[in-house]
């Protein structure tokens, strides 16, 4: 599991390459890793998080006190699978997981 961290983001290609070279199936905390050849991403939908943040900013600009606004947790998560990476690793992703994927990279 490679978490969402600025240090890891700067070394994205290296991390994905090492995981592939050593045949280690990895799940990533940022979707960009999967688009770069990583196996799988599961995490929050950042677009949705930004929309929620904008809603809070709008309320504050209209006079709401930040302390009065509720703390929100993510409600939408995404699952992205790279089928090409799975095949290269010799990993069979169960059909039930593939059906749940929000995006499948082939």
Protein backbone atom coordinates (compact mmCIF):
# COMPACT_ATOMS: atom_id res chain seq x y z
CA UNK A 1 0.00 0.00 0.00
CA UNK A 2 1.51 3.28 -1.13
CA UNK A 3 -0.16 6.15 0.68
CA UNK A 4 -0.90 9.64 -0.57
CA UNK A 5 2.26 11.53 0.33
CA UNK A 6 4.18 14.28 -1.48
CA UNK A 7 7.42 12.30 -1.23
CA UNK A 8 5.83 9.31 -2.96
CA UNK A 9 4.21 11.50 -5.62
CA UNK A 10 7.61 12.85 -6.66
CA UNK A 11 8.89 9.27 -7.06
CA UNK A 12 5.79 7.88 -8.78
CA UNK A 13 7.48 6.30 -11.82
CA UNK A 14 10.24 4.79 -9.68
CA UNK A 15 7.77 3.26 -7.22
CA UNK A 16 5.51 1.85 -9.94
CA UNK A 17 8.56 0.50 -11.78
CA UNK A 18 10.00 -1.17 -8.68
CA UNK A 19 6.64 -2.75 -7.82
CA UNK A 20 6.40 -4.17 -11.36
CA UNK A 21 10.03 -5.32 -11.44
CA UNK A 22 9.75 -7.14 -8.11
CA UNK A 23 6.28 -8.50 -8.97
CA UNK A 24 4.67 -6.89 -5.91
CA UNK A 25 0.96 -6.14 -6.33
CA UNK A 26 0.43 -2.67 -4.89
CA UNK A 27 -2.56 -0.49 -4.17
CA UNK A 28 -2.05 3.24 -4.31
CA UNK A 29 -3.59 6.21 -2.52
CA UNK A 30 -3.46 8.37 -5.66
CA UNK A 31 -5.07 7.48 -8.98
CA UNK A 32 -2.11 8.87 -10.97
CA UNK A 33 -0.04 5.83 -9.95
CA UNK A 34 -2.49 3.49 -11.69
CA UNK A 35 -2.49 5.62 -14.81
CA UNK A 36 1.32 5.36 -14.73
CA UNK A 37 1.14 1.55 -14.73
CA UNK A 38 0.33 0.69 -11.11
CA UNK A 39 -2.14 -2.04 -10.25
CA UNK A 40 -4.94 -0.49 -8.25
CA UNK A 41 -6.22 2.69 -6.59
CA UNK A 42 -8.85 2.92 -3.89
CA UNK A 43 -9.48 6.22 -2.22
CA UNK A 44 -11.55 9.34 -1.98
CA UNK A 45 -12.91 11.09 -5.03
CA UNK A 46 -10.83 14.27 -4.88
CA UNK A 47 -13.18 16.13 -7.23
CA UNK A 48 -16.02 15.53 -4.79
CA UNK A 49 -13.84 16.66 -1.87
CA UNK A 50 -12.99 19.90 -3.68
CA UNK A 51 -16.69 20.54 -4.38
CA UNK A 52 -17.50 20.04 -0.69
CA UNK A 53 -14.67 22.40 0.30
CA UNK A 54 -15.99 25.03 -2.13
CA UNK A 55 -19.41 24.70 -0.54
CA UNK A 56 -17.87 25.44 2.87
CA UNK A 57 -15.99 28.45 1.49
CA UNK A 58 -19.23 29.72 -0.05
CA UNK A 59 -21.00 29.48 3.31
CA UNK A 60 -18.14 31.31 5.06
CA UNK A 61 -18.14 34.08 2.45
CA UNK A 62 -21.88 34.46 3.04
CA UNK A 63 -21.27 35.03 6.75
CA UNK A 64 -21.28 31.58 8.38
CA UNK A 65 -18.82 31.07 11.21
CA UNK A 66 -16.31 28.34 10.38
CA UNK A 67 -16.71 26.89 13.89
CA UNK A 68 -20.44 26.40 13.22
CA UNK A 69 -19.93 24.35 10.05
CA UNK A 70 -20.02 20.58 10.44
CA UNK A 71 -16.91 18.49 9.95
CA UNK A 72 -17.47 16.25 6.96
CA UNK A 73 -15.94 12.94 6.05
CA UNK A 74 -15.58 11.63 2.51
CA UNK A 75 -18.68 9.91 1.22
CA UNK A 76 -17.57 8.96 -2.28
CA UNK A 77 -14.69 6.59 -2.92
CA UNK A 78 -13.29 5.34 -6.21
CA UNK A 79 -11.82 2.02 -7.25
CA UNK A 80 -9.56 2.08 -10.32
CA UNK A 81 -7.93 -1.10 -11.63
CA UNK A 82 -5.22 -1.44 -14.25
CA UNK A 83 -6.01 -4.76 -15.98
CA UNK A 84 -2.81 -4.58 -18.02
CA UNK A 85 -0.72 -4.33 -14.83
CA UNK A 86 -2.65 -7.21 -13.26
CA UNK A 87 -1.93 -9.39 -16.29
CA UNK A 88 1.78 -8.48 -16.21
CA UNK A 89 1.90 -9.45 -12.51
CA UNK A 90 0.06 -12.69 -13.16
CA UNK A 91 -2.66 -11.51 -10.76
CA UNK A 92 -6.23 -12.49 -11.48
CA UNK A 93 -8.69 -9.87 -10.28
CA UNK A 94 -11.99 -11.51 -9.32
CA UNK A 95 -14.94 -10.62 -11.56
CA UNK A 96 -16.86 -9.30 -8.54
CA UNK A 97 -14.10 -6.72 -7.94
CA UNK A 98 -13.88 -5.78 -11.62
CA UNK A 99 -17.63 -5.12 -11.65
CA UNK A 100 -17.28 -2.75 -8.69
CA UNK A 101 -14.49 -0.73 -10.31
CA UNK A 102 -15.33 2.85 -11.20
CA UNK A 103 -12.68 2.77 -13.90
CA UNK A 104 -10.87 -0.09 -15.61
CA UNK A 105 -7.66 0.62 -17.49
CA UNK A 106 -6.96 -1.97 -20.17
